[in-house]
Amino acid sequence: MVKTLTKHGNSYALVIDKPILELLRVSPDTPFEIMTDGQSLVLTPVRDARQEKKFGKALKGVHERFGRAMKRLAE
């Protein structure tokens, strides 16, 4: 996906489409850590540790319940 910057007041903004936000499990209120190596820009959502623990627990439950079925479907 190629995006261009949008003028926003005296600055520029990068608009992130809603499906991408949903995939990343972020909202407009989510803080992001911004890093660069001088050529690339990396945005990483800053997660609440409690929320991450809850998500990890749910993911583990899904894996335990449906892991074998998912593996068979993948084959």
N, C-alpha and C. Protein backbone atom coordinates (compact mmCIF):
# COMPACT_ATOMS: atom_id res chain seq x y z
N MET A 1 0.85 -1.17 0.00
CA MET A 1 0.00 0.00 0.00
C MET A 1 0.90 1.24 0.00
N VAL A 2 0.60 2.15 -0.86
CA VAL A 2 1.35 3.40 -0.95
C VAL A 2 0.42 4.52 -0.49
N LYS A 3 0.92 5.35 0.42
CA LYS A 3 0.14 6.47 0.95
C LYS A 3 0.93 7.75 0.75
N THR A 4 0.23 8.87 0.72
CA THR A 4 0.88 10.17 0.66
C THR A 4 0.47 10.97 1.89
N LEU A 5 1.29 11.96 2.22
CA LEU A 5 1.00 12.81 3.36
C LEU A 5 -0.11 13.79 3.01
N THR A 6 -0.87 14.18 4.02
CA THR A 6 -1.96 15.12 3.87
C THR A 6 -1.66 16.36 4.70
N LYS A 7 -1.89 17.54 4.15
CA LYS A 7 -1.68 18.79 4.89
C LYS A 7 -2.65 18.85 6.05
N HIS A 8 -2.12 19.17 7.25
CA HIS A 8 -2.94 19.25 8.46
C HIS A 8 -2.44 20.46 9.26
N GLY A 9 -3.07 21.61 9.04
CA GLY A 9 -2.60 22.84 9.67
C GLY A 9 -1.23 23.19 9.12
N ASN A 10 -0.26 23.41 10.03
CA ASN A 10 1.11 23.72 9.60
C ASN A 10 1.96 22.46 9.49
N SER A 11 1.35 21.30 9.63
CA SER A 11 2.06 20.03 9.60
C SER A 11 1.50 19.14 8.51
N TYR A 12 2.01 17.92 8.46
CA TYR A 12 1.51 16.92 7.55
C TYR A 12 1.11 15.69 8.35
N ALA A 13 0.12 14.96 7.85
CA ALA A 13 -0.39 13.78 8.54
C ALA A 13 -0.42 12.60 7.58
N LEU A 14 -0.29 11.42 8.15
CA LEU A 14 -0.44 10.19 7.38
C LEU A 14 -1.74 9.54 7.84
N VAL A 15 -2.68 9.41 6.95
CA VAL A 15 -3.98 8.84 7.29
C VAL A 15 -3.89 7.32 7.22
N ILE A 16 -4.27 6.67 8.31
CA ILE A 16 -4.24 5.21 8.38
C ILE A 16 -5.67 4.71 8.24
N ASP A 17 -5.91 3.86 7.26
CA ASP A 17 -7.25 3.37 6.99
C ASP A 17 -7.79 2.53 8.14
N LYS A 18 -9.12 2.57 8.31
CA LYS A 18 -9.77 1.87 9.42
C LYS A 18 -9.46 0.37 9.47
N PRO A 19 -9.44 -0.36 8.34
CA PRO A 19 -9.11 -1.79 8.42
C PRO A 19 -7.72 -2.05 9.01
N ILE A 20 -6.77 -1.16 8.74
CA ILE A 20 -5.43 -1.31 9.31
C ILE A 20 -5.48 -1.07 10.81
N LEU A 21 -6.21 -0.04 11.24
CA LEU A 21 -6.35 0.24 12.67
C LEU A 21 -6.99 -0.94 13.40
N GLU A 22 -8.00 -1.54 12.78
CA GLU A 22 -8.67 -2.70 13.40
C GLU A 22 -7.72 -3.89 13.48
N LEU A 23 -6.95 -4.11 12.43
CA LEU A 23 -5.99 -5.22 12.42
C LEU A 23 -4.96 -5.06 13.54
N LEU A 24 -4.53 -3.83 13.78
CA LEU A 24 -3.54 -3.55 14.81
C LEU A 24 -4.16 -3.43 16.21
N ARG A 25 -5.49 -3.46 16.27
CA ARG A 25 -6.21 -3.29 17.53
C ARG A 25 -5.88 -1.96 18.19
N VAL A 26 -5.95 -0.88 17.40
CA VAL A 26 -5.69 0.46 17.91
C VAL A 26 -6.87 1.37 17.63
N SER A 27 -6.92 2.46 18.35
CA SER A 27 -7.95 3.47 18.16
C SER A 27 -7.26 4.83 18.02
N PRO A 28 -8.00 5.88 17.73
CA PRO A 28 -7.36 7.20 17.66
C PRO A 28 -6.72 7.63 18.97
N ASP A 29 -7.10 7.02 20.09
CA ASP A 29 -6.54 7.36 21.39
C ASP A 29 -5.27 6.58 21.73
N THR A 30 -4.92 5.58 20.93
CA THR A 30 -3.75 4.75 21.20
C THR A 30 -2.46 5.54 20.99
N PRO A 31 -1.59 5.58 22.00
CA PRO A 31 -0.29 6.24 21.78
C PRO A 31 0.63 5.35 20.94
N PHE A 32 1.49 5.97 20.16
CA PHE A 32 2.44 5.25 19.31
C PHE A 32 3.86 5.68 19.63
N GLU A 33 4.76 4.72 19.62
CA GLU A 33 6.19 5.01 19.68
C GLU A 33 6.64 5.16 18.23
N ILE A 34 7.38 6.22 17.95
CA ILE A 34 7.85 6.49 16.59
C ILE A 34 9.37 6.35 16.57
N MET A 35 9.86 5.50 15.66
CA MET A 35 11.31 5.28 15.52
C MET A 35 11.68 5.41 14.05
N THR A 36 12.93 5.73 13.82
CA THR A 36 13.43 5.80 12.45
C THR A 36 14.90 5.39 12.42
N ASP A 37 15.31 4.86 11.29
CA ASP A 37 16.72 4.55 11.07
C ASP A 37 17.33 5.56 10.09
N GLY A 38 16.58 6.61 9.81
CA GLY A 38 17.02 7.63 8.86
C GLY A 38 16.44 7.44 7.48
N GLN A 39 15.89 6.23 7.21
CA GLN A 39 15.30 5.94 5.91
C GLN A 39 13.87 5.43 6.03
N SER A 40 13.58 4.77 7.14
CA SER A 40 12.25 4.19 7.34
C SER A 40 11.64 4.74 8.62
N LEU A 41 10.34 4.77 8.65
CA LEU A 41 9.59 5.20 9.82
C LEU A 41 8.85 4.00 10.36
N VAL A 42 8.98 3.74 11.67
CA VAL A 42 8.31 2.61 12.29
C VAL A 42 7.41 3.14 13.39
N LEU A 43 6.12 2.83 13.29
CA LEU A 43 5.14 3.22 14.31
C LEU A 43 4.74 1.96 15.07
N THR A 44 4.88 1.99 16.40
CA THR A 44 4.53 0.83 17.22
C THR A 44 3.52 1.27 18.27
N PRO A 45 2.35 0.62 18.30
CA PRO A 45 1.38 0.99 19.34
C PRO A 45 1.95 0.69 20.73
N VAL A 46 1.75 1.61 21.65
CA VAL A 46 2.15 1.40 23.04
C VAL A 46 0.96 0.72 23.72
N ARG A 47 1.19 -0.50 24.19
CA ARG A 47 0.11 -1.30 24.76
C ARG A 47 0.09 -1.20 26.28
N ASP A 48 -1.12 -1.27 26.81
CA ASP A 48 -1.32 -1.38 28.24
C ASP A 48 -0.99 -2.83 28.63
N ALA A 49 -0.14 -3.02 29.61
CA ALA A 49 0.30 -4.37 30.00
C ALA A 49 -0.88 -5.26 30.39
N ARG A 50 -1.87 -4.70 31.05
CA ARG A 50 -3.06 -5.49 31.43
C ARG A 50 -3.83 -5.94 30.21
N GLN A 51 -3.95 -5.06 29.25
CA GLN A 51 -4.67 -5.39 28.01
C GLN A 51 -3.92 -6.47 27.24
N GLU A 52 -2.60 -6.37 27.17
CA GLU A 52 -1.80 -7.37 26.47
C GLU A 52 -1.90 -8.73 27.16
N LYS A 53 -1.90 -8.74 28.48
CA LYS A 53 -2.02 -9.99 29.23
C LYS A 53 -3.38 -10.63 28.95
N LYS A 54 -4.43 -9.83 28.95
CA LYS A 54 -5.78 -10.32 28.67
C LYS A 54 -5.86 -10.90 27.25
N PHE A 55 -5.26 -10.20 26.28
CA PHE A 55 -5.27 -10.67 24.90
C PHE A 55 -4.49 -11.98 24.78
N GLY A 56 -3.32 -12.04 25.43
CA GLY A 56 -2.51 -13.25 25.39
C GLY A 56 -3.24 -14.45 25.98
N LYS A 57 -3.96 -14.22 27.06
CA LYS A 57 -4.73 -15.29 27.69
C LYS A 57 -5.84 -15.78 26.75
N ALA A 58 -6.52 -14.84 26.10
CA ALA A 58 -7.58 -15.21 25.16
C ALA A 58 -7.00 -15.97 23.97
N LEU A 59 -5.86 -15.52 23.46
CA LEU A 59 -5.22 -16.18 22.33
C LEU A 59 -4.80 -17.61 22.70
N LYS A 60 -4.27 -17.77 23.90
CA LYS A 60 -3.88 -19.10 24.36
C LYS A 60 -5.10 -20.01 24.44
N GLY A 61 -6.24 -19.49 24.93
CA GLY A 61 -7.47 -20.28 25.00
C GLY A 61 -7.95 -20.72 23.63
N VAL A 62 -7.89 -19.83 22.66
CA VAL A 62 -8.29 -20.17 21.30
C VAL A 62 -7.37 -21.24 20.74
N HIS A 63 -6.07 -21.09 20.99
CA HIS A 63 -5.10 -22.07 20.50
C HIS A 63 -5.36 -23.45 21.13
N GLU A 64 -5.61 -23.47 22.43
CA GLU A 64 -5.88 -24.74 23.10
C GLU A 64 -7.15 -25.39 22.57
N ARG A 65 -8.15 -24.57 22.31
CA ARG A 65 -9.46 -25.11 21.89
C ARG A 65 -9.48 -25.50 20.42
N PHE A 66 -8.85 -24.71 19.57
CA PHE A 66 -8.97 -24.91 18.13
C PHE A 66 -7.65 -25.18 17.42
N GLY A 67 -6.54 -25.29 18.16
CA GLY A 67 -5.23 -25.43 17.54
C GLY A 67 -5.11 -26.59 16.59
N ARG A 68 -5.57 -27.77 17.01
CA ARG A 68 -5.46 -28.95 16.13
C ARG A 68 -6.29 -28.78 14.87
N ALA A 69 -7.49 -28.23 15.01
CA ALA A 69 -8.34 -28.03 13.83
C ALA A 69 -7.68 -27.04 12.87
N MET A 70 -7.10 -25.96 13.40
CA MET A 70 -6.44 -24.99 12.55
C MET A 70 -5.24 -25.61 11.83
N LYS A 71 -4.50 -26.44 12.52
CA LYS A 71 -3.36 -27.10 11.92
C LYS A 71 -3.80 -28.00 10.77
N ARG A 72 -4.88 -28.76 11.00
CA ARG A 72 -5.39 -29.63 9.93
C ARG A 72 -5.88 -28.82 8.75
N LEU A 73 -6.54 -27.71 9.01
CA LEU A 73 -7.00 -26.86 7.91
C LEU A 73 -5.82 -26.29 7.11
N ALA A 74 -4.74 -26.03 7.78
CA ALA A 74 -3.57 -25.45 7.10
C ALA A 74 -2.87 -26.46 6.20
N GLU A 75 -3.05 -27.75 6.50
CA GLU A 75 -2.37 -28.79 5.70
C GLU A 75 -3.06 -29.09 4.44
